[in-house]
C-alpha atoms as a PDB file:
ATOM      1  CA  MET A   1      93.069 112.578 108.461  1.00  0.00           C
ATOM      2  CA  GLY A   2      94.814 109.144 108.732  1.00  0.00           C
ATOM      3  CA  ASP A   3      94.748 105.731 110.698  1.00  0.00           C
ATOM      4  CA  LEU A   4      95.970 105.589 113.428  1.00  0.00           C
ATOM      5  CA  ASP A   5      97.739 103.331 115.141  1.00  0.00           C
ATOM      6  CA  VAL A   6      99.411 101.991 118.244  1.00  0.00           C
ATOM      7  CA  GLU A   7     102.217 104.604 117.970  1.00  0.00           C
ATOM      8  CA  ASP A   8      99.809 106.828 117.848  1.00  0.00           C
ATOM      9  CA  ARG A   9      97.792 106.317 120.118  1.00  0.00           C
ATOM     10  CA  LYS A  10     100.607 105.669 122.269  1.00  0.00           C
ATOM     11  CA  TYR A  11     102.508 109.370 121.253  1.00  0.00           C
ATOM     12  CA  ALA A  12      98.737 110.786 122.439  1.00  0.00           C
ATOM     13  CA  ALA A  13      98.196 109.340 126.110  1.00  0.00           C
ATOM     14  CA  GLU A  14     102.075 110.368 126.885  1.00  0.00           C
ATOM     15  CA  GLN A  15     100.963 113.900 125.574  1.00  0.00           C
ATOM     16  CA  GLY A  16      98.202 114.026 127.836  1.00  0.00           C
ATOM     17  CA  ILE A  17      96.148 114.365 124.447  1.00  0.00           C
ATOM     18  CA  ALA A  18      93.846 113.511 122.729  1.00  0.00           C
ATOM     19  CA  GLU A  19      94.464 110.788 119.166  1.00  0.00           C
ATOM     20  CA  GLU A  20      93.558 114.164 116.608  1.00  0.00           C
ATOM     21  CA  GLU A  21      94.766 116.511 118.397  1.00  0.00           C
ATOM     22  CA  ALA A  22      98.341 114.711 118.639  1.00  0.00           C
ATOM     23  CA  LEU A  23      98.288 113.296 114.382  1.00  0.00           C
ATOM     24  CA  LYS A  24      97.621 116.924 114.201  1.00  0.00           C
ATOM     25  CA  LYS A  25     100.960 118.407 117.262  1.00  0.00           C
ATOM     26  CA  GLY A  26     102.871 115.636 115.421  1.00  0.00           C
ATOM     27  CA  MET A  27     102.455 116.783 111.328  1.00  0.00           C
ATOM     28  CA  GLU A  28     102.769 120.462 112.315  1.00  0.00           C
ATOM     29  CA  GLU A  29     106.445 119.201 114.091  1.00  0.00           C
ATOM     30  CA  LYS A  30     107.445 117.306 110.728  1.00  0.00           C
ATOM     31  CA  SER A  31     106.076 120.391 108.742  1.00  0.00           C
ATOM     32  CA  ARG A  32     108.871 122.878 110.495  1.00  0.00           C
ATOM     33  CA  GLU A  33     111.392 120.079 109.914  1.00  0.00           C
ATOM     34  CA  PHE A  34     110.703 119.451 106.526  1.00  0.00           C
ATOM     35  CA  THR A  35     111.403 123.222 106.650  1.00  0.00           C
ATOM     36  CA  GLU A  36     114.882 123.589 108.413  1.00  0.00           C
ATOM     37  CA  LYS A  37     116.282 120.963 106.410  1.00  0.00           C
ATOM     38  CA  GLY A  38     115.625 122.877 103.974  1.00  0.00           C
ATOM     39  CA  SER A  39     112.422 122.048 101.909  1.00  0.00           C
ATOM     40  CA  GLU A  40     113.944 118.940 100.269  1.00  0.00           C
ATOM     41  CA  LEU A  41     111.993 115.542  99.143  1.00  0.00           C
ATOM     42  CA  TYR A  42     115.740 113.439  98.973  1.00  0.00           C
ATOM     43  CA  ALA A  43     117.814 114.079 101.302  1.00  0.00           C
ATOM     44  CA  LYS A  44     121.803 113.956  99.556  1.00  0.00           C
ATOM     45  CA  ALA A  45     123.749 110.589 100.886  1.00  0.00           C
END
Protein backbone atom coordinates (compact mmCIF):
# COMPACT_ATOMS: atom_id res chain seq x y z
CA MET A 1 0.00 0.00 0.00
CA GLY A 2 1.07 3.57 -0.55
CA ASP A 3 1.60 6.28 1.99
CA LEU A 4 -1.41 7.72 3.74
CA ASP A 5 -1.94 11.43 3.41
CA VAL A 6 -4.23 13.85 5.20
CA GLU A 7 -7.10 13.26 2.76
CA ASP A 8 -6.87 9.48 3.24
CA ARG A 9 -6.99 9.84 7.01
CA LYS A 10 -9.91 12.28 6.79
CA TYR A 11 -11.85 9.90 4.50
CA ALA A 12 -11.23 7.00 6.89
CA ALA A 13 -12.43 9.04 9.85
CA GLU A 14 -15.56 10.17 7.98
CA GLN A 15 -16.34 6.57 7.00
CA GLY A 16 -15.59 5.26 10.49
CA ILE A 17 -13.14 2.69 9.13
CA ALA A 18 -9.42 1.91 9.47
CA GLU A 19 -7.04 3.85 7.22
CA GLU A 20 -5.88 0.75 5.32
CA GLU A 21 -9.51 -0.27 4.75
CA ALA A 22 -10.24 3.25 3.46
CA LEU A 23 -7.45 2.92 0.90
CA LYS A 24 -8.75 -0.46 -0.25
CA LYS A 25 -12.31 0.86 -0.51
CA GLY A 26 -11.15 3.94 -2.41
CA MET A 27 -9.21 1.85 -4.92
CA GLU A 28 -12.24 -0.39 -5.46
CA GLU A 29 -14.41 2.67 -6.14
CA LYS A 30 -11.88 4.11 -8.61
CA SER A 31 -11.58 0.74 -10.34
CA ARG A 32 -15.36 0.59 -10.76
CA GLU A 33 -15.42 4.17 -12.15
CA PHE A 34 -12.65 3.29 -14.60
CA THR A 35 -14.54 0.24 -15.86
CA GLU A 36 -17.83 2.13 -16.14
CA LYS A 37 -16.17 4.83 -18.24
CA GLY A 38 -14.91 2.29 -20.77
CA SER A 39 -11.51 1.37 -19.30
CA GLU A 40 -9.71 3.98 -21.43
CA LEU A 41 -6.42 5.35 -20.13
CA TYR A 42 -6.84 8.64 -21.98
CA ALA A 43 -10.22 10.36 -21.86
CA LYS A 44 -11.32 12.17 -24.98
CA ALA A 45 -11.62 15.92 -24.47
